[in-house]
Amino acid sequence: MSAPTHGGTLEVICGPMFAGKTTLLIERIEALRASGQSLRVLRPARDTRSMPGAIQTHGGAHAAAVEVGQGDEILAAAGDAAVVIIDEIHFFGEHAVEPCRALLRAGRAVVVAGVEIDHFGKPFDPFPELLQIADSVRRLQGVCARCGAPSTHTQRLIPASDRVVAGGEESYEPRC
């Protein structure tokens, strides 16, 4: 599938859990607010790890966000903001792709962050499609919980059959 021509820009921030993706998003939010740009921050409602109505780092830093139930609600939740920021986009799966494309066609800047590889080593949707049309990609690494080397994977520590299971340090750890 080839990338469509669009007037907006797509920035993708990805990496394993505990790599600093939300920290980087909060820095971008602060810079955008300081520049006076209109922005809307979105997060999946089913990610119950952080305080309601906010994105939050594992260290506790946070920024206000609109909770979105399903990927097909992203476009409406974005409102008329010039910049749309979506944290934990992998919670929306493939249903996030078309709303992101629509925002780009409308000339908006879109910044997304999430885990692009699941704990089985398989790509999480929507990353295969979004990476193809991204204007910039920033892959972050954390620190392996076992040896201290750069982490590129997330290891699930709890038994669960679902691909997406909300959890923090009690459920996952960064691994090399």
N, C-alpha and C. Protein backbone atom coordinates (compact mmCIF):
# COMPACT_ATOMS: atom_id res chain seq x y z
N MET A 1 0.85 -1.18 0.00
CA MET A 1 0.00 0.00 0.00
C MET A 1 0.90 1.24 0.00
N SER A 2 0.67 2.13 -0.89
CA SER A 2 1.49 3.34 -0.96
C SER A 2 0.87 4.44 -0.09
N ALA A 3 1.72 5.33 0.34
CA ALA A 3 1.28 6.42 1.21
C ALA A 3 0.48 7.45 0.41
N PRO A 4 -0.64 7.89 0.95
CA PRO A 4 -1.44 8.89 0.23
C PRO A 4 -0.78 10.26 0.33
N THR A 5 -1.09 11.11 -0.61
CA THR A 5 -0.65 12.49 -0.53
C THR A 5 -1.53 13.19 0.49
N HIS A 6 -0.90 13.88 1.40
CA HIS A 6 -1.67 14.57 2.43
C HIS A 6 -0.98 15.86 2.83
N GLY A 7 -1.72 16.74 3.44
CA GLY A 7 -1.17 18.02 3.85
C GLY A 7 -0.66 18.04 5.27
N GLY A 8 -1.01 17.03 6.06
CA GLY A 8 -0.59 17.00 7.45
C GLY A 8 0.74 16.27 7.62
N THR A 9 1.15 16.15 8.86
CA THR A 9 2.39 15.42 9.16
C THR A 9 2.10 14.39 10.23
N LEU A 10 2.78 13.26 10.12
CA LEU A 10 2.64 12.19 11.10
C LEU A 10 3.98 11.90 11.73
N GLU A 11 4.03 12.04 13.06
CA GLU A 11 5.22 11.70 13.84
C GLU A 11 4.88 10.47 14.66
N VAL A 12 5.70 9.43 14.55
CA VAL A 12 5.49 8.19 15.30
C VAL A 12 6.61 8.04 16.33
N ILE A 13 6.21 7.82 17.58
CA ILE A 13 7.14 7.54 18.68
C ILE A 13 6.81 6.14 19.15
N CYS A 14 7.78 5.24 19.08
CA CYS A 14 7.50 3.86 19.44
C CYS A 14 8.66 3.24 20.19
N GLY A 15 8.40 2.10 20.78
CA GLY A 15 9.40 1.38 21.55
C GLY A 15 8.72 0.52 22.58
N PRO A 16 9.51 -0.23 23.34
CA PRO A 16 8.93 -1.10 24.36
C PRO A 16 8.40 -0.29 25.54
N MET A 17 7.72 -0.98 26.43
CA MET A 17 7.27 -0.31 27.65
C MET A 17 8.50 0.16 28.43
N PHE A 18 8.32 1.22 29.18
CA PHE A 18 9.36 1.78 30.05
C PHE A 18 10.51 2.39 29.27
N ALA A 19 10.25 2.86 28.04
CA ALA A 19 11.30 3.47 27.23
C ALA A 19 11.21 4.99 27.22
N GLY A 20 10.16 5.57 27.82
CA GLY A 20 10.05 7.03 27.88
C GLY A 20 9.17 7.64 26.81
N LYS A 21 8.30 6.87 26.19
CA LYS A 21 7.44 7.39 25.12
C LYS A 21 6.50 8.48 25.63
N THR A 22 5.83 8.24 26.74
CA THR A 22 4.90 9.23 27.28
C THR A 22 5.65 10.45 27.81
N THR A 23 6.83 10.24 28.35
CA THR A 23 7.66 11.36 28.80
C THR A 23 7.97 12.28 27.62
N LEU A 24 8.34 11.69 26.49
CA LEU A 24 8.62 12.47 25.28
C LEU A 24 7.36 13.19 24.79
N LEU A 25 6.22 12.51 24.85
CA LEU A 25 4.96 13.17 24.46
C LEU A 25 4.67 14.38 25.33
N ILE A 26 4.85 14.24 26.63
CA ILE A 26 4.57 15.37 27.53
C ILE A 26 5.51 16.54 27.23
N GLU A 27 6.75 16.26 26.91
CA GLU A 27 7.67 17.33 26.50
C GLU A 27 7.17 18.02 25.23
N ARG A 28 6.68 17.22 24.26
CA ARG A 28 6.15 17.79 23.01
C ARG A 28 4.92 18.63 23.30
N ILE A 29 4.05 18.16 24.20
CA ILE A 29 2.84 18.90 24.56
C ILE A 29 3.21 20.25 25.16
N GLU A 30 4.17 20.26 26.07
CA GLU A 30 4.59 21.51 26.70
C GLU A 30 5.16 22.48 25.67
N ALA A 31 5.95 21.98 24.73
CA ALA A 31 6.53 22.84 23.70
C ALA A 31 5.44 23.39 22.78
N LEU A 32 4.48 22.54 22.40
CA LEU A 32 3.40 22.99 21.53
C LEU A 32 2.53 24.03 22.23
N ARG A 33 2.25 23.81 23.50
CA ARG A 33 1.44 24.80 24.24
C ARG A 33 2.19 26.12 24.35
N ALA A 34 3.49 26.06 24.58
CA ALA A 34 4.30 27.28 24.68
C ALA A 34 4.31 28.05 23.36
N SER A 35 4.19 27.33 22.23
CA SER A 35 4.20 27.98 20.93
C SER A 35 2.81 28.50 20.54
N GLY A 36 1.80 28.19 21.36
CA GLY A 36 0.46 28.68 21.10
C GLY A 36 -0.36 27.86 20.12
N GLN A 37 0.13 26.71 19.71
CA GLN A 37 -0.62 25.88 18.77
C GLN A 37 -1.79 25.21 19.48
N SER A 38 -2.89 25.08 18.76
CA SER A 38 -4.03 24.38 19.34
C SER A 38 -3.77 22.88 19.25
N LEU A 39 -4.01 22.19 20.36
CA LEU A 39 -3.75 20.76 20.35
C LEU A 39 -4.79 20.02 21.17
N ARG A 40 -4.92 18.75 20.86
CA ARG A 40 -5.81 17.86 21.59
C ARG A 40 -5.03 16.59 21.87
N VAL A 41 -5.02 16.18 23.12
CA VAL A 41 -4.34 14.96 23.54
C VAL A 41 -5.41 13.89 23.77
N LEU A 42 -5.20 12.73 23.17
CA LEU A 42 -6.15 11.63 23.28
C LEU A 42 -5.48 10.41 23.91
N ARG A 43 -6.29 9.64 24.62
CA ARG A 43 -5.79 8.39 25.20
C ARG A 43 -6.91 7.37 25.19
N PRO A 44 -6.55 6.07 25.15
CA PRO A 44 -7.59 5.04 25.17
C PRO A 44 -8.23 4.94 26.55
N ALA A 45 -9.55 4.92 26.58
CA ALA A 45 -10.27 4.82 27.85
C ALA A 45 -9.99 3.49 28.54
N ARG A 46 -9.73 2.46 27.77
CA ARG A 46 -9.52 1.15 28.40
C ARG A 46 -8.13 0.97 29.00
N ASP A 47 -7.26 1.95 28.85
CA ASP A 47 -5.97 1.92 29.54
C ASP A 47 -6.21 2.49 30.93
N THR A 48 -6.37 1.64 31.90
CA THR A 48 -6.75 2.03 33.25
C THR A 48 -5.56 2.27 34.17
N ARG A 49 -4.35 2.32 33.63
CA ARG A 49 -3.17 2.46 34.47
C ARG A 49 -2.97 3.86 35.02
N SER A 50 -3.42 4.86 34.29
CA SER A 50 -3.17 6.23 34.73
C SER A 50 -4.45 6.90 35.20
N MET A 51 -4.29 8.08 35.75
CA MET A 51 -5.45 8.81 36.25
C MET A 51 -6.42 9.10 35.11
N PRO A 52 -7.72 9.08 35.38
CA PRO A 52 -8.69 9.38 34.34
C PRO A 52 -8.47 10.79 33.76
N GLY A 53 -8.65 10.93 32.47
CA GLY A 53 -8.54 12.23 31.83
C GLY A 53 -7.12 12.75 31.71
N ALA A 54 -6.14 11.84 31.70
CA ALA A 54 -4.75 12.27 31.59
C ALA A 54 -3.89 11.16 30.98
N ILE A 55 -2.79 11.57 30.36
CA ILE A 55 -1.73 10.62 30.07
C ILE A 55 -0.74 10.78 31.20
N GLN A 56 -0.07 9.70 31.56
CA GLN A 56 0.79 9.75 32.74
C GLN A 56 1.99 8.84 32.54
N THR A 57 3.16 9.33 32.95
CA THR A 57 4.38 8.53 32.88
C THR A 57 4.42 7.60 34.09
N HIS A 58 5.30 6.62 34.01
CA HIS A 58 5.48 5.72 35.16
C HIS A 58 6.03 6.49 36.36
N GLY A 59 6.67 7.62 36.11
CA GLY A 59 7.19 8.46 37.19
C GLY A 59 6.17 9.42 37.77
N GLY A 60 4.98 9.50 37.17
CA GLY A 60 3.92 10.34 37.70
C GLY A 60 3.66 11.65 36.98
N ALA A 61 4.54 12.05 36.06
CA ALA A 61 4.26 13.27 35.28
C ALA A 61 3.02 13.02 34.44
N HIS A 62 2.21 14.06 34.24
CA HIS A 62 0.96 13.85 33.50
C HIS A 62 0.55 15.11 32.74
N ALA A 63 -0.35 14.88 31.78
CA ALA A 63 -0.93 15.96 30.99
C ALA A 63 -2.38 15.59 30.72
N ALA A 64 -3.25 16.59 30.71
CA ALA A 64 -4.68 16.37 30.48
C ALA A 64 -4.89 15.74 29.11
N ALA A 65 -5.88 14.83 29.05
CA ALA A 65 -6.19 14.14 27.80
C ALA A 65 -7.67 13.79 27.75
N VAL A 66 -8.16 13.66 26.54
CA VAL A 66 -9.54 13.23 26.31
C VAL A 66 -9.51 11.71 26.16
N GLU A 67 -10.38 11.03 26.90
CA GLU A 67 -10.45 9.58 26.79
C GLU A 67 -11.32 9.18 25.60
N VAL A 68 -10.83 8.21 24.84
CA VAL A 68 -11.51 7.75 23.64
C VAL A 68 -11.77 6.25 23.80
N GLY A 69 -13.03 5.85 23.56
CA GLY A 69 -13.40 4.46 23.74
C GLY A 69 -12.90 3.55 22.64
N GLN A 70 -13.12 3.91 21.38
CA GLN A 70 -12.76 3.08 20.24
C GLN A 70 -12.02 3.92 19.21
N GLY A 71 -11.25 3.24 18.36
CA GLY A 71 -10.49 3.94 17.34
C GLY A 71 -11.34 4.78 16.41
N ASP A 72 -12.55 4.31 16.12
CA ASP A 72 -13.40 5.08 15.20
C ASP A 72 -13.94 6.37 15.83
N GLU A 73 -13.66 6.60 17.11
CA GLU A 73 -14.06 7.84 17.79
C GLU A 73 -12.94 8.89 17.81
N ILE A 74 -11.77 8.53 17.29
CA ILE A 74 -10.61 9.43 17.33
C ILE A 74 -10.88 10.73 16.59
N LEU A 75 -11.43 10.64 15.40
CA LEU A 75 -11.65 11.83 14.58
C LEU A 75 -12.57 12.83 15.28
N ALA A 76 -13.66 12.37 15.84
CA ALA A 76 -14.58 13.26 16.55
C ALA A 76 -13.92 13.84 17.79
N ALA A 77 -13.16 13.02 18.51
CA ALA A 77 -12.50 13.48 19.74
C ALA A 77 -11.41 14.51 19.45
N ALA A 78 -10.84 14.48 18.25
CA ALA A 78 -9.78 15.42 17.88
C ALA A 78 -10.28 16.85 17.77
N GLY A 79 -11.59 17.01 17.56
CA GLY A 79 -12.14 18.36 17.42
C GLY A 79 -11.49 19.09 16.26
N ASP A 80 -11.23 20.38 16.45
CA ASP A 80 -10.62 21.16 15.37
C ASP A 80 -9.16 21.53 15.68
N ALA A 81 -8.54 20.80 16.58
CA ALA A 81 -7.15 21.09 16.96
C ALA A 81 -6.21 20.94 15.77
N ALA A 82 -5.23 21.81 15.70
CA ALA A 82 -4.23 21.75 14.62
C ALA A 82 -3.29 20.57 14.82
N VAL A 83 -3.05 20.20 16.08
CA VAL A 83 -2.16 19.09 16.41
C VAL A 83 -2.94 18.09 17.26
N VAL A 84 -2.92 16.84 16.86
CA VAL A 84 -3.60 15.78 17.59
C VAL A 84 -2.54 14.79 18.08
N ILE A 85 -2.51 14.57 19.38
CA ILE A 85 -1.53 13.68 20.01
C ILE A 85 -2.29 12.49 20.57
N ILE A 86 -1.84 11.28 20.22
CA ILE A 86 -2.50 10.06 20.69
C ILE A 86 -1.48 9.18 21.39
N ASP A 87 -1.69 8.96 22.69
CA ASP A 87 -0.81 8.07 23.44
C ASP A 87 -1.39 6.67 23.45
N GLU A 88 -0.50 5.67 23.56
CA GLU A 88 -0.90 4.26 23.63
C GLU A 88 -1.80 3.86 22.46
N ILE A 89 -1.41 4.28 21.27
CA ILE A 89 -2.25 4.05 20.09
C ILE A 89 -2.47 2.58 19.78
N HIS A 90 -1.58 1.71 20.24
CA HIS A 90 -1.76 0.28 19.98
C HIS A 90 -3.03 -0.27 20.65
N PHE A 91 -3.57 0.42 21.66
CA PHE A 91 -4.82 -0.01 22.28
C PHE A 91 -5.99 0.08 21.27
N PHE A 92 -5.86 0.93 20.27
CA PHE A 92 -6.92 1.09 19.27
C PHE A 92 -6.77 0.14 18.09
N GLY A 93 -5.60 -0.46 17.92
CA GLY A 93 -5.37 -1.41 16.85
C GLY A 93 -5.57 -0.79 15.47
N GLU A 94 -5.99 -1.62 14.53
CA GLU A 94 -6.16 -1.18 13.14
C GLU A 94 -7.22 -0.10 13.00
N HIS A 95 -8.09 0.05 13.99
CA HIS A 95 -9.17 1.05 13.91
C HIS A 95 -8.65 2.49 14.06
N ALA A 96 -7.38 2.65 14.36
CA ALA A 96 -6.80 3.99 14.46
C ALA A 96 -6.27 4.49 13.12
N VAL A 97 -6.09 3.60 12.16
CA VAL A 97 -5.44 3.98 10.90
C VAL A 97 -6.27 5.00 10.13
N GLU A 98 -7.51 4.70 9.83
CA GLU A 98 -8.31 5.61 8.99
C GLU A 98 -8.52 6.96 9.66
N PRO A 99 -8.81 7.04 10.97
CA PRO A 99 -8.90 8.37 11.58
C PRO A 99 -7.60 9.17 11.46
N CYS A 100 -6.47 8.51 11.60
CA CYS A 100 -5.19 9.22 11.43
C CYS A 100 -5.03 9.70 10.00
N ARG A 101 -5.37 8.87 9.05
CA ARG A 101 -5.29 9.28 7.63
C ARG A 101 -6.22 10.47 7.37
N ALA A 102 -7.41 10.44 7.94
CA ALA A 102 -8.36 11.55 7.74
C ALA A 102 -7.81 12.85 8.33
N LEU A 103 -7.19 12.76 9.49
CA LEU A 103 -6.57 13.96 10.10
C LEU A 103 -5.46 14.49 9.21
N LEU A 104 -4.66 13.60 8.65
CA LEU A 104 -3.58 14.02 7.75
C LEU A 104 -4.13 14.67 6.49
N ARG A 105 -5.17 14.08 5.91
CA ARG A 105 -5.79 14.66 4.70
C ARG A 105 -6.35 16.06 4.99
N ALA A 106 -6.76 16.28 6.24
CA ALA A 106 -7.29 17.59 6.64
C ALA A 106 -6.18 18.58 6.96
N GLY A 107 -4.93 18.18 6.78
CA GLY A 107 -3.81 19.08 6.99
C GLY A 107 -3.35 19.20 8.44
N ARG A 108 -3.75 18.29 9.28
CA ARG A 108 -3.38 18.36 10.69
C ARG A 108 -2.06 17.65 10.96
N ALA A 109 -1.42 18.05 12.04
CA ALA A 109 -0.23 17.35 12.53
C ALA A 109 -0.72 16.30 13.52
N VAL A 110 -0.21 15.08 13.38
CA VAL A 110 -0.59 13.98 14.25
C VAL A 110 0.68 13.41 14.85
N VAL A 111 0.68 13.24 16.17
CA VAL A 111 1.79 12.62 16.89
C VAL A 111 1.21 11.43 17.63
N VAL A 112 1.74 10.24 17.36
CA VAL A 112 1.26 9.05 18.03
C VAL A 112 2.40 8.37 18.77
N ALA A 113 2.06 7.68 19.86
CA ALA A 113 3.06 6.93 20.61
C ALA A 113 2.46 5.62 21.06
N GLY A 114 3.32 4.60 21.10
CA GLY A 114 2.86 3.31 21.59
C GLY A 114 3.90 2.24 21.41
N VAL A 115 3.53 1.05 21.83
CA VAL A 115 4.37 -0.13 21.73
C VAL A 115 4.12 -0.76 20.37
N GLU A 116 5.16 -0.79 19.52
CA GLU A 116 4.93 -1.29 18.16
C GLU A 116 5.13 -2.79 18.02
N ILE A 117 5.75 -3.43 19.01
CA ILE A 117 5.98 -4.87 18.98
C ILE A 117 5.40 -5.46 20.26
N ASP A 118 4.53 -6.47 20.12
CA ASP A 118 3.92 -7.07 21.31
C ASP A 118 4.91 -7.99 22.04
N HIS A 119 4.49 -8.56 23.13
CA HIS A 119 5.37 -9.41 23.93
C HIS A 119 5.68 -10.75 23.27
N PHE A 120 5.03 -11.06 22.14
CA PHE A 120 5.35 -12.24 21.35
C PHE A 120 6.35 -11.91 20.24
N GLY A 121 6.70 -10.61 20.09
CA GLY A 121 7.62 -10.19 19.03
C GLY A 121 6.92 -9.90 17.72
N LYS A 122 5.60 -9.76 17.74
CA LYS A 122 4.83 -9.49 16.53
C LYS A 122 4.40 -8.02 16.50
N PRO A 123 4.31 -7.42 15.30
CA PRO A 123 3.91 -6.01 15.21
C PRO A 123 2.49 -5.78 15.73
N PHE A 124 2.34 -4.74 16.51
CA PHE A 124 1.02 -4.30 16.96
C PHE A 124 0.41 -3.42 15.88
N ASP A 125 -0.85 -3.67 15.54
CA ASP A 125 -1.57 -2.70 14.73
C ASP A 125 -1.80 -1.49 15.64
N PRO A 126 -1.74 -0.31 15.13
CA PRO A 126 -1.74 0.14 13.75
C PRO A 126 -0.35 0.45 13.19
N PHE A 127 0.71 0.01 13.88
CA PHE A 127 2.06 0.43 13.48
C PHE A 127 2.48 0.01 12.08
N PRO A 128 2.18 -1.20 11.61
CA PRO A 128 2.63 -1.52 10.24
C PRO A 128 2.17 -0.50 9.20
N GLU A 129 0.94 -0.02 9.31
CA GLU A 129 0.44 0.97 8.34
C GLU A 129 0.93 2.38 8.66
N LEU A 130 0.93 2.76 9.93
CA LEU A 130 1.34 4.13 10.26
C LEU A 130 2.81 4.37 9.98
N LEU A 131 3.65 3.37 10.20
CA LEU A 131 5.08 3.55 9.92
C LEU A 131 5.33 3.79 8.43
N GLN A 132 4.48 3.24 7.58
CA GLN A 132 4.63 3.44 6.13
C GLN A 132 4.37 4.88 5.71
N ILE A 133 3.50 5.58 6.43
CA ILE A 133 3.13 6.94 6.02
C ILE A 133 3.69 8.01 6.94
N ALA A 134 4.51 7.60 7.91
CA ALA A 134 5.06 8.56 8.88
C ALA A 134 6.06 9.51 8.22
N ASP A 135 6.01 10.75 8.63
CA ASP A 135 7.00 11.74 8.20
C ASP A 135 8.26 11.63 9.04
N SER A 136 8.10 11.20 10.29
CA SER A 136 9.25 10.95 11.15
C SER A 136 8.92 9.83 12.12
N VAL A 137 9.95 9.04 12.44
CA VAL A 137 9.80 7.92 13.37
C VAL A 137 10.91 8.01 14.40
N ARG A 138 10.53 7.90 15.64
CA ARG A 138 11.52 7.90 16.73
C ARG A 138 11.32 6.62 17.53
N ARG A 139 12.27 5.71 17.43
CA ARG A 139 12.24 4.46 18.17
C ARG A 139 13.07 4.63 19.43
N LEU A 140 12.42 4.44 20.55
CA LEU A 140 13.09 4.58 21.84
C LEU A 140 13.45 3.22 22.41
N GLN A 141 14.44 3.21 23.28
CA GLN A 141 14.82 2.01 24.00
C GLN A 141 14.82 2.32 25.48
N GLY A 142 14.57 1.31 26.27
CA GLY A 142 14.65 1.46 27.72
C GLY A 142 15.91 0.78 28.22
N VAL A 143 15.85 0.29 29.44
CA VAL A 143 16.97 -0.42 30.06
C VAL A 143 16.46 -1.80 30.47
N CYS A 144 17.14 -2.84 30.02
CA CYS A 144 16.75 -4.21 30.33
C CYS A 144 16.73 -4.43 31.85
N ALA A 145 15.62 -4.97 32.34
CA ALA A 145 15.45 -5.21 33.77
C ALA A 145 16.37 -6.32 34.28
N ARG A 146 16.90 -7.12 33.40
CA ARG A 146 17.75 -8.25 33.81
C ARG A 146 19.25 -7.95 33.76
N CYS A 147 19.69 -7.25 32.69
CA CYS A 147 21.14 -7.08 32.52
C CYS A 147 21.59 -5.64 32.35
N GLY A 148 20.65 -4.71 32.18
CA GLY A 148 21.02 -3.31 32.04
C GLY A 148 21.33 -2.87 30.62
N ALA A 149 21.29 -3.78 29.66
CA ALA A 149 21.53 -3.43 28.25
C ALA A 149 20.31 -2.66 27.72
N PRO A 150 20.43 -2.02 26.56
CA PRO A 150 19.26 -1.34 26.00
C PRO A 150 18.12 -2.34 25.76
N SER A 151 16.93 -1.97 26.18
CA SER A 151 15.77 -2.85 25.97
C SER A 151 15.08 -2.48 24.67
N THR A 152 14.72 -3.50 23.94
CA THR A 152 13.98 -3.31 22.69
C THR A 152 12.68 -4.10 22.71
N HIS A 153 12.44 -4.85 23.76
CA HIS A 153 11.25 -5.69 23.88
C HIS A 153 10.59 -5.50 25.24
N THR A 154 9.34 -5.94 25.30
CA THR A 154 8.58 -5.93 26.55
C THR A 154 8.25 -7.37 26.90
N GLN A 155 8.58 -7.80 28.09
CA GLN A 155 8.27 -9.15 28.55
C GLN A 155 7.05 -9.09 29.47
N ARG A 156 6.01 -9.86 29.13
CA ARG A 156 4.84 -9.95 30.00
C ARG A 156 5.16 -10.94 31.11
N LEU A 157 4.86 -10.57 32.34
CA LEU A 157 5.16 -11.39 33.50
C LEU A 157 3.95 -12.15 34.03
N ILE A 158 2.77 -11.82 33.55
CA ILE A 158 1.54 -12.44 34.05
C ILE A 158 0.91 -13.29 32.96
N PRO A 159 0.18 -14.34 33.35
CA PRO A 159 -0.53 -15.12 32.33
C PRO A 159 -1.77 -14.38 31.85
N ALA A 160 -1.89 -14.26 30.56
CA ALA A 160 -3.06 -13.62 29.95
C ALA A 160 -3.05 -13.99 28.47
N SER A 161 -4.22 -14.26 27.92
CA SER A 161 -4.28 -14.65 26.51
C SER A 161 -4.52 -13.46 25.57
N ASP A 162 -5.02 -12.35 26.10
CA ASP A 162 -5.25 -11.17 25.25
C ASP A 162 -3.93 -10.54 24.84
N ARG A 163 -3.90 -9.99 23.63
CA ARG A 163 -2.68 -9.31 23.17
C ARG A 163 -2.44 -8.03 23.93
N VAL A 164 -3.49 -7.27 24.20
CA VAL A 164 -3.36 -6.01 24.90
C VAL A 164 -3.95 -6.17 26.30
N VAL A 165 -3.07 -6.06 27.29
CA VAL A 165 -3.48 -6.14 28.68
C VAL A 165 -2.84 -4.95 29.39
N ALA A 166 -3.67 -4.07 29.95
CA ALA A 166 -3.15 -2.90 30.65
C ALA A 166 -2.42 -3.37 31.90
N GLY A 167 -1.25 -2.82 32.12
CA GLY A 167 -0.47 -3.17 33.31
C GLY A 167 0.80 -2.36 33.35
N GLY A 168 1.44 -2.37 34.48
CA GLY A 168 2.68 -1.64 34.68
C GLY A 168 3.80 -2.59 35.09
N GLU A 169 4.60 -2.14 36.05
CA GLU A 169 5.77 -2.91 36.47
C GLU A 169 5.40 -4.26 37.08
N GLU A 170 4.17 -4.40 37.57
CA GLU A 170 3.74 -5.68 38.13
C GLU A 170 3.45 -6.71 37.04
N SER A 171 3.25 -6.24 35.81
CA SER A 171 2.84 -7.12 34.72
C SER A 171 3.84 -7.24 33.59
N TYR A 172 4.73 -6.26 33.46
CA TYR A 172 5.67 -6.22 32.34
C TYR A 172 7.04 -5.74 32.81
N GLU A 173 8.06 -6.11 32.05
CA GLU A 173 9.37 -5.52 32.27
C GLU A 173 10.10 -5.37 30.94
N PRO A 174 10.97 -4.35 30.87
CA PRO A 174 11.75 -4.15 29.63
C PRO A 174 12.86 -5.19 29.55
N ARG A 175 13.08 -5.70 28.33
CA ARG A 175 14.12 -6.70 28.13
C ARG A 175 14.92 -6.38 26.86
N CYS A 176 16.16 -6.87 26.85
CA CYS A 176 17.01 -6.69 25.67
C CYS A 176 16.75 -7.80 24.67
